[in-house]
């Protein structure tokens, strides 16, 4: 009798496991297909926390799953998650994400580099396991510079505070936010001491922006750049929001004041009204003569005023003499006489070539313009979609998925060639642009999320984004114009932990409460 009971229990366990696996398989079949392909073309020269053999299981547990009719975008969505996973490293001081897959000389502990830290957090905030980013943020705040002969955290400009707040909006983890606020506050003050001029603007070398050999920059001159000033505005605004969340009214007021002052300084000092663009102000007091992609960065943090004059800057995105090229968006305007002339042998030229770092920043700024502003100029969701699709299509080399450092704008050639350090270069975002901007999940501090899709009308008849970890729940978004793709009925539906919480006949903006 005892053996019979044991047999029944084991049978039920196996049956339950089989059902669970079958349910998982139904939602991850496409992921499995892509992972199998990506693994098959990879030599896996470096193995970090999650090797290729475990990548399917890890991704199935951690990332939102996409099903959409754009095969180029969809494949790259999974390729970018598969690549991002390669950079997760477990260290004695917690989990971190690396930038280069192989060791590089200018890295700090455990091959850590802070240049793309903000990108890493924006991308990684959609992972289900929240410990990875919490420990990564803690690493930079408390461990990165300890015992180091060189300062590593401030080796590059950063929008860390902004990214930390944006991560909180996804996770709802107030405990971690409250614990890190004192360190974030102290770090902002450190940036002010190191990089703020008497005028109130911040200066930076282009190399410390991670953008060396740029069209307007310098490795030695203290130029006032749109990058660091936009980052510090975004950081101040985020610190005010964080202080509000944790109930520190004095700190909230302090950073609201800093953000307001910095916003006015950027609009007054870095805007070229004649050429309708944000530019670098050089040490001689003049604005740079060239437009660069960094002039779009203020929109990453919704800094510019909502006026037609500022929206006009985005006309350059459509102009082939501006930033529009066959393979993507250039880092300097193509009409500039010095475009692509700074080949120095150092191997990092930001005077026109395509950099995923800049492409993802520009696309984020464009999404913010279309979502948060009334004045769009010539920009439309179709422009955003076309450029996002172009960005996805650029992730290839020799007909296979690839992500490197920077590219020729006319033929898509990766300018580092076969240099192994460039493979899987973790220096930008892509998945976040799909989740947060194209599909349009806008996290909020309350028990809800905004839905502001930038999918052009009539472009997609269906899509599904599943396994989205948000505020402790698992969300699924489903759009089926005819009702025949997923057999759940016509229209748009949202599910939280399997329960339908929202339904609409059309893809339209909404605030969706988590019931």
Protein backbone atom coordinates (compact mmCIF):
# COMPACT_ATOMS: atom_id res chain seq x y z
CA UNK A 1 0.00 0.00 0.00
CA UNK A 2 2.88 2.33 0.89
CA UNK A 3 4.60 1.66 -2.47
CA UNK A 4 1.32 2.34 -4.30
CA UNK A 5 1.00 5.76 -2.63
CA UNK A 6 4.59 6.60 -3.53
CA UNK A 7 3.93 5.58 -7.15
CA UNK A 8 0.80 7.75 -7.32
CA UNK A 9 2.65 10.76 -5.88
CA UNK A 10 5.52 10.31 -8.35
CA UNK A 11 3.10 9.93 -11.25
CA UNK A 12 1.29 13.11 -10.27
CA UNK A 13 4.61 14.94 -9.94
CA UNK A 14 5.75 13.80 -13.38
CA UNK A 15 2.37 14.64 -14.90
CA UNK A 16 2.41 18.11 -13.33
CA UNK A 17 5.96 18.69 -14.57
CA UNK A 18 5.00 17.53 -18.07
CA UNK A 19 2.01 19.87 -18.16
CA UNK A 20 4.12 22.78 -16.89
CA UNK A 21 6.80 22.04 -19.48
CA UNK A 22 4.20 21.80 -22.23
CA UNK A 23 2.70 25.13 -21.15
CA UNK A 24 6.15 26.72 -21.16
CA UNK A 25 6.93 25.14 -24.52
CA UNK A 26 3.79 26.61 -26.04
CA UNK A 27 5.03 30.10 -25.21
CA UNK A 28 8.73 29.58 -25.84
CA UNK A 29 8.80 27.61 -29.08
CA UNK A 30 9.95 30.67 -31.02
CA UNK A 31 12.58 31.47 -28.39
CA UNK A 32 13.83 27.88 -28.65
CA UNK A 33 14.17 28.18 -32.42
CA UNK A 34 16.20 31.35 -32.21
CA UNK A 35 18.41 30.21 -29.35
CA UNK A 36 19.21 26.96 -31.15
CA UNK A 37 20.26 28.95 -34.21
CA UNK A 38 22.32 31.50 -32.29
CA UNK A 39 24.09 28.76 -30.34
CA UNK A 40 24.90 26.93 -33.57
CA UNK A 41 26.81 29.90 -35.06
CA UNK A 42 28.72 30.78 -31.89
CA UNK A 43 32.17 29.51 -30.91
CA UNK A 44 31.53 30.67 -27.32
CA UNK A 45 35.09 31.87 -26.72
CA UNK A 46 34.00 33.34 -23.36
CA UNK A 47 31.58 31.82 -20.86
CA UNK A 48 30.17 33.91 -18.04
CA UNK A 49 27.34 33.18 -15.60
CA UNK A 50 24.95 31.68 -18.16
CA UNK A 51 26.67 29.59 -20.86
CA UNK A 52 25.00 28.85 -24.17
CA UNK A 53 23.90 25.40 -23.00
CA UNK A 54 21.76 27.06 -20.31
CA UNK A 55 20.72 30.12 -22.31
CA UNK A 56 17.28 28.86 -23.38
CA UNK A 57 16.18 28.03 -19.83
CA UNK A 58 17.53 31.32 -18.47
CA UNK A 59 15.93 33.43 -21.19
CA UNK A 60 12.61 31.58 -20.90
CA UNK A 61 12.53 32.43 -17.20
CA UNK A 62 13.72 36.02 -17.44
CA UNK A 63 12.81 37.90 -20.62
CA UNK A 64 9.56 39.08 -22.21
CA UNK A 65 8.67 36.88 -25.19
CA UNK A 66 7.83 38.57 -28.48
CA UNK A 67 5.68 37.29 -31.35
CA UNK A 68 5.28 39.75 -34.23
CA UNK A 69 5.03 39.85 -38.05
CA UNK A 70 8.34 41.72 -38.55
CA UNK A 71 10.86 38.86 -38.77
CA UNK A 72 13.89 41.16 -38.91
CA UNK A 73 12.89 43.01 -35.77
CA UNK A 74 11.80 39.84 -34.00
CA UNK A 75 15.02 37.93 -34.70
CA UNK A 76 17.14 40.82 -33.51
CA UNK A 77 14.99 41.19 -30.39
CA UNK A 78 15.90 37.65 -29.38
CA UNK A 79 19.49 38.01 -30.56
CA UNK A 80 19.97 41.04 -28.35
CA UNK A 81 18.59 39.23 -25.28
CA UNK A 82 20.74 36.20 -26.10
CA UNK A 83 23.81 38.49 -26.38
CA UNK A 84 22.93 40.50 -23.25
CA UNK A 85 22.84 37.28 -21.25
CA UNK A 86 26.45 36.58 -22.26
CA UNK A 87 27.60 39.64 -20.31
CA UNK A 88 26.09 38.66 -16.97
CA UNK A 89 29.00 37.91 -14.66
CA UNK A 90 28.92 36.74 -11.06
CA UNK A 91 31.71 38.34 -9.02
CA UNK A 92 32.70 38.31 -5.34
CA UNK A 93 31.05 41.74 -5.18
CA UNK A 94 27.79 40.77 -6.81
CA UNK A 95 26.43 40.42 -10.33
CA UNK A 96 27.59 42.84 -13.01
CA UNK A 97 27.11 43.23 -16.75
CA UNK A 98 30.24 43.68 -18.83
CA UNK A 99 30.57 45.90 -21.89
CA UNK A 100 33.22 43.91 -23.76
CA UNK A 101 32.97 40.14 -23.83
CA UNK A 102 36.77 39.88 -23.65
CA UNK A 103 39.06 41.70 -21.19
CA UNK A 104 40.18 45.20 -22.21
CA UNK A 105 42.93 47.34 -20.71
CA UNK A 106 40.79 50.33 -19.73
CA UNK A 107 38.32 48.23 -17.71
CA UNK A 108 38.12 48.12 -13.94
CA UNK A 109 37.38 45.20 -11.64
CA UNK A 110 36.05 42.06 -13.33
CA UNK A 111 36.22 43.81 -16.75
CA UNK A 112 33.64 46.38 -15.64
CA UNK A 113 33.15 49.66 -17.54
CA UNK A 114 30.66 52.38 -16.66
CA UNK A 115 30.26 53.93 -20.13
CA UNK A 116 27.04 52.10 -21.08
CA UNK A 117 25.77 51.67 -17.52
CA UNK A 118 22.57 53.57 -18.23
CA UNK A 119 21.91 51.45 -21.32
CA UNK A 120 22.48 48.25 -19.32
CA UNK A 121 19.93 49.28 -16.69
CA UNK A 122 17.30 50.38 -19.21
CA UNK A 123 17.64 47.03 -21.00
CA UNK A 124 17.99 44.87 -17.90
CA UNK A 125 15.04 46.37 -16.03
CA UNK A 126 12.76 43.98 -17.96
CA UNK A 127 14.46 40.86 -16.56
CA UNK A 128 12.35 38.88 -14.12
CA UNK A 129 15.19 38.31 -11.64
CA UNK A 130 15.66 41.72 -10.03
CA UNK A 131 18.79 40.77 -8.09
CA UNK A 132 20.98 41.16 -11.18
CA UNK A 133 20.40 44.89 -11.57
CA UNK A 134 20.19 45.61 -7.84
CA UNK A 135 23.63 44.09 -7.34
CA UNK A 136 24.98 45.77 -10.48
CA UNK A 137 23.82 49.19 -9.25
CA UNK A 138 25.31 48.47 -5.82
CA UNK A 139 28.60 47.47 -7.44
CA UNK A 140 29.05 50.89 -9.03
CA UNK A 141 27.88 52.83 -6.00
CA UNK A 142 29.81 50.94 -3.30
CA UNK A 143 32.50 48.66 -4.77
CA UNK A 144 33.81 49.76 -8.18
CA UNK A 145 36.35 52.32 -6.97
CA UNK A 146 37.32 50.59 -3.73
CA UNK A 147 40.91 49.36 -3.89
CA UNK A 148 41.42 50.78 -7.39
CA UNK A 149 44.37 52.94 -8.36
CA UNK A 150 42.12 54.83 -10.80
CA UNK A 151 38.62 56.21 -10.49
CA UNK A 152 36.39 53.89 -12.53
CA UNK A 153 32.83 54.99 -11.81
CA UNK A 154 33.37 58.53 -13.16
CA UNK A 155 35.62 57.31 -15.94
CA UNK A 156 32.64 58.08 -18.21
CA UNK A 157 29.58 60.32 -18.11
CA UNK A 158 26.50 58.60 -16.74
CA UNK A 159 22.74 58.87 -16.43
CA UNK A 160 22.74 56.35 -13.57
CA UNK A 161 20.23 58.15 -11.33
CA UNK A 162 17.71 58.40 -14.15
CA UNK A 163 18.17 54.72 -14.99
CA UNK A 164 17.79 53.69 -11.33
CA UNK A 165 14.46 55.51 -11.14
CA UNK A 166 13.29 54.01 -14.44
CA UNK A 167 14.21 50.58 -13.10
CA UNK A 168 12.14 51.26 -9.98
CA UNK A 169 9.12 52.16 -12.12
CA UNK A 170 9.27 48.62 -13.56
CA UNK A 171 10.06 46.71 -10.38
CA UNK A 172 8.22 48.74 -7.76
CA UNK A 173 11.09 47.91 -5.37
CA UNK A 174 10.98 50.89 -3.03
CA UNK A 175 13.33 49.24 -0.50
CA UNK A 176 16.32 49.24 -2.85
CA UNK A 177 15.49 52.75 -4.03
CA UNK A 178 15.42 54.11 -0.48
CA UNK A 179 18.65 52.34 0.45
CA UNK A 180 20.62 53.76 -2.49
CA UNK A 181 19.33 57.36 -2.37
CA UNK A 182 22.07 58.67 -0.02
CA UNK A 183 24.78 57.26 -2.30
CA UNK A 184 23.10 58.71 -5.39
CA UNK A 185 22.82 62.11 -3.70
CA UNK A 186 26.51 62.06 -2.75
CA UNK A 187 27.49 60.98 -6.24
CA UNK A 188 25.62 63.91 -7.84
CA UNK A 189 27.53 66.29 -5.59
CA UNK A 190 30.77 64.64 -6.68
CA UNK A 191 29.92 65.25 -10.34
CA UNK A 192 29.23 68.90 -9.51
CA UNK A 193 32.68 69.25 -7.91
CA UNK A 194 34.44 67.50 -10.78
CA UNK A 195 32.65 68.82 -13.85
CA UNK A 196 30.44 71.85 -13.12
CA UNK A 197 31.57 75.30 -14.22
CA UNK A 198 30.73 78.57 -12.48
CA UNK A 199 28.09 79.14 -15.16
CA UNK A 200 26.23 76.05 -13.90
CA UNK A 201 26.80 73.99 -17.05
CA UNK A 202 28.83 70.78 -16.99
CA UNK A 203 31.85 70.13 -19.19
CA UNK A 204 33.29 66.89 -20.52
CA UNK A 205 36.03 65.56 -22.78
CA UNK A 206 34.54 63.64 -25.71
CA UNK A 207 36.54 60.55 -24.74
CA UNK A 208 34.95 60.64 -21.26
CA UNK A 209 31.56 60.69 -22.94
CA UNK A 210 32.68 57.47 -24.64
CA UNK A 211 32.66 59.41 -27.95
CA UNK A 212 36.32 60.06 -28.77
CA UNK A 213 37.48 61.61 -32.04
CA UNK A 214 34.11 63.33 -32.45
CA UNK A 215 33.36 66.10 -34.93
CA UNK A 216 33.19 68.84 -32.27
CA UNK A 217 34.89 67.29 -29.28
CA UNK A 218 38.31 67.15 -27.74
CA UNK A 219 40.28 64.85 -25.48
CA UNK A 220 41.75 67.85 -23.65
CA UNK A 221 39.37 70.83 -23.83
CA UNK A 222 36.55 71.37 -21.35
CA UNK A 223 33.66 71.68 -23.79
CA UNK A 224 30.06 72.07 -22.61
CA UNK A 225 28.37 69.17 -24.36
CA UNK A 226 24.66 68.32 -24.75
CA UNK A 227 25.43 64.82 -23.45
CA UNK A 228 26.65 65.35 -19.90
CA UNK A 229 24.34 68.34 -19.36
CA UNK A 230 21.31 66.29 -20.46
CA UNK A 231 22.46 63.39 -18.29
CA UNK A 232 22.84 65.60 -15.23
CA UNK A 233 19.43 67.17 -15.87
CA UNK A 234 17.92 63.69 -16.11
CA UNK A 235 19.74 62.65 -12.96
CA UNK A 236 18.52 65.71 -11.03
CA UNK A 237 14.95 65.16 -12.17
CA UNK A 238 15.18 61.48 -11.17
CA UNK A 239 16.63 62.30 -7.76
CA UNK A 240 13.70 64.66 -7.15
CA UNK A 241 11.30 61.86 -8.09
CA UNK A 242 13.13 59.32 -5.92
CA UNK A 243 13.12 61.72 -2.97
CA UNK A 244 9.38 62.14 -3.48
CA UNK A 245 8.84 58.38 -3.43
CA UNK A 246 10.72 57.94 -0.15
CA UNK A 247 9.19 61.04 1.45
CA UNK A 248 12.24 63.33 1.60
CA UNK A 249 10.62 66.68 0.77
CA UNK A 250 13.77 68.74 1.36
CA UNK A 251 15.83 66.69 -1.08
CA UNK A 252 12.98 66.64 -3.57
CA UNK A 253 12.84 70.43 -3.57
CA UNK A 254 16.63 70.70 -3.86
CA UNK A 255 16.80 68.58 -7.01
CA UNK A 256 13.72 70.11 -8.57
CA UNK A 257 15.57 73.40 -8.31
CA UNK A 258 18.76 71.99 -9.83
CA UNK A 259 16.82 70.46 -12.73
CA UNK A 260 15.00 73.72 -13.46
CA UNK A 261 18.23 75.74 -13.49
CA UNK A 262 20.05 73.24 -15.70
CA UNK A 263 17.16 73.03 -18.15
CA UNK A 264 17.22 76.80 -18.66
CA UNK A 265 21.00 76.79 -19.09
CA UNK A 266 20.84 74.09 -21.78
CA UNK A 267 18.08 75.88 -23.68
CA UNK A 268 19.83 79.25 -23.39
CA UNK A 269 23.43 78.13 -24.02
CA UNK A 270 23.46 74.95 -26.14
CA UNK A 271 20.63 75.66 -28.58
CA UNK A 272 21.66 77.05 -31.97
CA UNK A 273 18.55 78.94 -33.10
CA UNK A 274 19.98 79.59 -36.56
CA UNK A 275 20.62 75.92 -37.31
CA UNK A 276 17.81 74.65 -35.06
CA UNK A 277 19.92 72.19 -33.11
CA UNK A 278 21.51 71.52 -29.72
CA UNK A 279 25.27 71.77 -30.04
CA UNK A 280 28.50 71.68 -28.10
CA UNK A 281 29.70 75.04 -26.79
CA UNK A 282 33.45 75.16 -27.15
CA UNK A 283 36.01 76.61 -24.70
CA UNK A 284 36.26 79.76 -26.85
CA UNK A 285 32.58 80.42 -26.17
CA UNK A 286 31.38 79.62 -29.67
CA UNK A 287 28.93 76.90 -30.63
CA UNK A 288 30.38 74.10 -32.74
CA UNK A 289 29.65 74.48 -36.43
CA UNK A 290 28.56 70.88 -36.92
CA UNK A 291 25.35 69.11 -35.91
CA UNK A 292 25.96 65.79 -34.13
CA UNK A 293 23.65 63.03 -32.92
CA UNK A 294 24.36 64.19 -29.36
CA UNK A 295 22.04 67.09 -30.17
CA UNK A 296 19.11 64.66 -29.91
CA UNK A 297 20.12 63.48 -26.42
CA UNK A 298 18.16 66.21 -24.55
CA UNK A 299 14.94 64.47 -25.63
CA UNK A 300 16.08 61.29 -23.85
CA UNK A 301 15.13 63.13 -20.67
CA UNK A 302 12.28 65.29 -22.04
CA UNK A 303 14.40 68.39 -21.49
CA UNK A 304 13.46 70.63 -24.48
CA UNK A 305 10.38 72.81 -24.32
CA UNK A 306 7.35 71.59 -26.26
CA UNK A 307 7.64 74.15 -29.04
CA UNK A 308 7.79 73.89 -32.87
CA UNK A 309 11.22 75.57 -32.90
CA UNK A 310 12.80 72.72 -30.96
CA UNK A 311 10.91 69.99 -32.81
CA UNK A 312 12.43 71.33 -36.03
CA UNK A 313 15.76 69.74 -35.02
CA UNK A 314 14.28 66.36 -35.94
CA UNK A 315 13.98 67.36 -39.63
CA UNK A 316 17.65 66.37 -39.86
CA UNK A 317 16.66 62.75 -39.26
CA UNK A 318 14.99 62.61 -42.67
CA UNK A 319 17.72 64.46 -44.55
CA UNK A 320 20.38 62.42 -46.35
CA UNK A 321 22.68 65.42 -45.95
CA UNK A 322 21.82 65.28 -42.25
CA UNK A 323 21.81 61.97 -40.34
CA UNK A 324 19.89 59.67 -42.66
CA UNK A 325 22.04 56.96 -44.25
CA UNK A 326 21.39 53.61 -45.87
CA UNK A 327 22.42 51.56 -42.83
CA UNK A 328 21.29 53.81 -40.03
CA UNK A 329 21.62 57.18 -38.32
CA UNK A 330 25.06 58.76 -38.45
CA UNK A 331 26.78 60.34 -35.46
CA UNK A 332 27.50 63.60 -37.33
CA UNK A 333 25.69 65.31 -40.18
CA UNK A 334 26.83 64.05 -43.57
CA UNK A 335 27.07 67.53 -45.08
CA UNK A 336 29.89 68.49 -42.72
CA UNK A 337 33.23 68.82 -44.58
CA UNK A 338 35.04 66.83 -41.86
CA UNK A 339 32.56 63.92 -41.91
CA UNK A 340 34.43 60.60 -41.49
CA UNK A 341 37.90 62.20 -41.72
CA UNK A 342 39.27 61.41 -38.26
CA UNK A 343 40.60 57.91 -38.73
CA UNK A 344 43.33 58.05 -36.11
CA UNK A 345 44.31 54.44 -35.72
CA UNK A 346 42.85 54.51 -32.21
CA UNK A 347 39.80 52.83 -33.65
CA UNK A 348 36.89 54.84 -32.20
CA UNK A 349 35.73 57.60 -34.54
CA UNK A 350 32.47 59.38 -33.69
CA UNK A 351 32.63 61.85 -36.58
CA UNK A 352 29.93 60.16 -38.65
CA UNK A 353 30.07 56.38 -38.45
CA UNK A 354 27.10 54.45 -37.03
CA UNK A 355 27.32 53.63 -33.34
CA UNK A 356 24.56 51.51 -31.73
CA UNK A 357 25.14 53.56 -28.54
CA UNK A 358 24.05 56.74 -30.37
CA UNK A 359 21.38 55.02 -32.47
CA UNK A 360 19.57 53.77 -29.39
CA UNK A 361 19.82 57.20 -27.74
CA UNK A 362 18.41 58.94 -30.82
CA UNK A 363 15.56 56.44 -31.12
CA UNK A 364 14.72 56.84 -27.43
CA UNK A 365 14.64 60.62 -27.87
CA UNK A 366 12.39 60.28 -30.91
CA UNK A 367 10.01 57.99 -29.02
CA UNK A 368 9.82 60.53 -26.20
CA UNK A 369 9.08 63.31 -28.69
CA UNK A 370 6.22 61.33 -30.24
CA UNK A 371 4.82 60.16 -26.91
CA UNK A 372 5.33 63.07 -24.53
CA UNK A 373 5.16 66.14 -26.78
CA UNK A 374 2.42 67.79 -28.84
CA UNK A 375 4.84 69.35 -31.34
CA UNK A 376 6.36 66.59 -33.50
CA UNK A 377 7.50 68.51 -36.56
CA UNK A 378 7.85 66.02 -39.40
CA UNK A 379 8.23 63.04 -37.10
CA UNK A 380 5.63 60.25 -37.11
CA UNK A 381 5.39 56.70 -35.74
CA UNK A 382 6.26 55.53 -39.25
CA UNK A 383 9.61 57.35 -39.08
CA UNK A 384 10.34 55.73 -35.73
CA UNK A 385 9.41 52.30 -37.06
CA UNK A 386 11.51 52.65 -40.20
CA UNK A 387 14.59 53.67 -38.23
CA UNK A 388 14.09 50.97 -35.60
CA UNK A 389 13.74 48.39 -38.39
CA UNK A 390 16.89 49.73 -40.06
CA UNK A 391 18.71 49.52 -36.74
CA UNK A 392 17.61 45.88 -36.35
CA UNK A 393 18.69 45.04 -39.91
CA UNK A 394 22.17 46.49 -39.25
CA UNK A 395 22.86 43.72 -36.71
CA UNK A 396 24.48 41.37 -39.21
CA UNK A 397 27.85 40.35 -40.62
CA UNK A 398 28.36 37.88 -43.46
CA UNK A 399 24.64 37.15 -43.47
CA UNK A 400 24.56 36.14 -39.79
CA UNK A 401 23.40 38.01 -36.66
CA UNK A 402 26.16 40.16 -35.23
CA UNK A 403 26.63 43.10 -32.87
CA UNK A 404 29.84 45.12 -32.94
CA UNK A 405 31.19 48.56 -32.08
CA UNK A 406 30.60 50.81 -35.08
CA UNK A 407 29.74 50.64 -38.77
CA UNK A 408 30.19 52.24 -42.16
CA UNK A 409 26.99 54.11 -42.89
CA UNK A 410 26.96 53.25 -46.60
CA UNK A 411 27.63 49.49 -46.64
CA UNK A 412 27.09 48.26 -43.05
CA UNK A 413 30.67 47.04 -42.66
CA UNK A 414 31.73 46.75 -39.02
CA UNK A 415 34.80 48.96 -38.88
CA UNK A 416 36.60 46.85 -36.29
CA UNK A 417 36.51 43.97 -38.76
CA UNK A 418 37.05 40.60 -37.10
CA UNK A 419 38.51 42.03 -33.90
CA UNK A 420 37.18 39.60 -31.32
CA UNK A 421 36.81 42.31 -28.65
CA UNK A 422 33.96 43.84 -30.66
CA UNK A 423 31.74 40.76 -30.76
CA UNK A 424 28.55 41.04 -28.68
CA UNK A 425 29.43 44.65 -27.83
CA UNK A 426 27.12 45.51 -24.93
CA UNK A 427 27.06 49.27 -25.45
CA UNK A 428 23.46 50.09 -26.41
CA UNK A 429 19.83 49.09 -26.06
CA UNK A 430 17.40 47.42 -28.43
CA UNK A 431 14.92 45.27 -26.51
CA UNK A 432 13.94 48.23 -24.34
CA UNK A 433 13.13 50.21 -27.50
CA UNK A 434 10.76 47.45 -28.57
CA UNK A 435 9.09 47.00 -25.17
CA UNK A 436 9.03 50.56 -23.85
CA UNK A 437 8.72 52.53 -27.08
CA UNK A 438 7.44 50.56 -30.08
CA UNK A 439 4.90 48.49 -28.17
CA UNK A 440 4.72 51.30 -25.66
CA UNK A 441 4.68 49.97 -22.11
CA UNK A 442 5.24 53.07 -19.98
CA UNK A 443 5.96 52.14 -16.34
CA UNK A 444 4.45 54.23 -13.56
CA UNK A 445 4.93 54.60 -9.82
CA UNK A 446 1.30 53.78 -9.07
CA UNK A 447 -0.39 50.40 -9.55
CA UNK A 448 -0.83 50.88 -13.29
CA UNK A 449 1.10 51.32 -16.53
CA UNK A 450 0.71 53.55 -19.55
CA UNK A 451 0.20 52.12 -23.01
CA UNK A 452 1.38 54.40 -25.82
CA UNK A 453 2.20 52.28 -28.89
CA UNK A 454 4.26 53.65 -31.79
CA UNK A 455 3.32 50.83 -34.15
CA UNK A 456 2.16 52.67 -37.31
CA UNK A 457 -1.53 52.30 -38.00
CA UNK A 458 -2.19 49.23 -40.15
CA UNK A 459 1.43 48.00 -39.88
CA UNK A 460 0.83 44.99 -37.64
CA UNK A 461 -2.37 42.93 -37.60
CA UNK A 462 -1.14 41.00 -34.59
CA UNK A 463 1.53 40.77 -31.93
CA UNK A 464 2.02 39.28 -28.49
CA UNK A 465 4.42 40.28 -25.75
CA UNK A 466 4.36 37.72 -22.99
CA UNK A 467 6.16 37.01 -19.70
CA UNK A 468 6.58 40.69 -18.79
CA UNK A 469 7.63 41.13 -15.17
CA UNK A 470 6.06 44.29 -13.78
CA UNK A 471 5.29 45.34 -10.19
CA UNK A 472 5.38 41.74 -9.01
CA UNK A 473 2.98 40.50 -11.67
CA UNK A 474 3.46 38.76 -15.01
CA UNK A 475 1.82 40.65 -17.84
CA UNK A 476 0.85 39.60 -21.34
CA UNK A 477 -0.14 42.03 -24.10
CA UNK A 478 -2.00 40.66 -27.11
CA UNK A 479 -3.20 42.40 -30.29
CA UNK A 480 -5.23 40.46 -32.85
CA UNK A 481 -7.03 42.57 -35.45
CA UNK A 482 -9.10 39.71 -36.89
CA UNK A 483 -9.24 37.46 -33.83
CA UNK A 484 -7.94 34.55 -35.91
CA UNK A 485 -4.26 34.63 -34.91
CA UNK A 486 -4.60 33.84 -31.20
CA UNK A 487 -8.29 32.87 -31.03
CA UNK A 488 -8.97 35.15 -28.08
CA UNK A 489 -11.28 37.49 -29.95
CA UNK A 490 -10.69 40.67 -31.92
CA UNK A 491 -8.77 43.61 -30.53
CA UNK A 492 -6.19 44.37 -27.87
CA UNK A 493 -6.07 42.57 -24.53
CA UNK A 494 -3.91 42.72 -21.43
CA UNK A 495 -3.55 39.89 -18.93
CA UNK A 496 -2.01 40.03 -15.44
CA UNK A 497 -1.06 36.65 -13.98
CA UNK A 498 -3.34 35.03 -16.57
CA UNK A 499 -6.41 37.16 -15.79
CA UNK A 500 -7.72 39.61 -18.38
CA UNK A 501 -7.59 43.16 -16.99
CA UNK A 502 -8.08 45.30 -20.11
CA UNK A 503 -9.68 45.07 -23.53
CA UNK A 504 -9.94 47.51 -26.43
CA UNK A 505 -11.07 47.26 -30.03
CA UNK A 506 -8.08 49.28 -31.23
CA UNK A 507 -4.44 49.98 -30.42
CA UNK A 508 -4.78 53.30 -28.67
CA UNK A 509 -3.18 55.08 -25.71
CA UNK A 510 -4.49 54.12 -22.30
CA UNK A 511 -3.68 53.97 -18.60
CA UNK A 512 -4.15 50.35 -17.59
CA UNK A 513 -4.68 49.62 -13.91
CA UNK A 514 -3.41 46.39 -12.41
CA UNK A 515 -6.53 44.90 -10.86
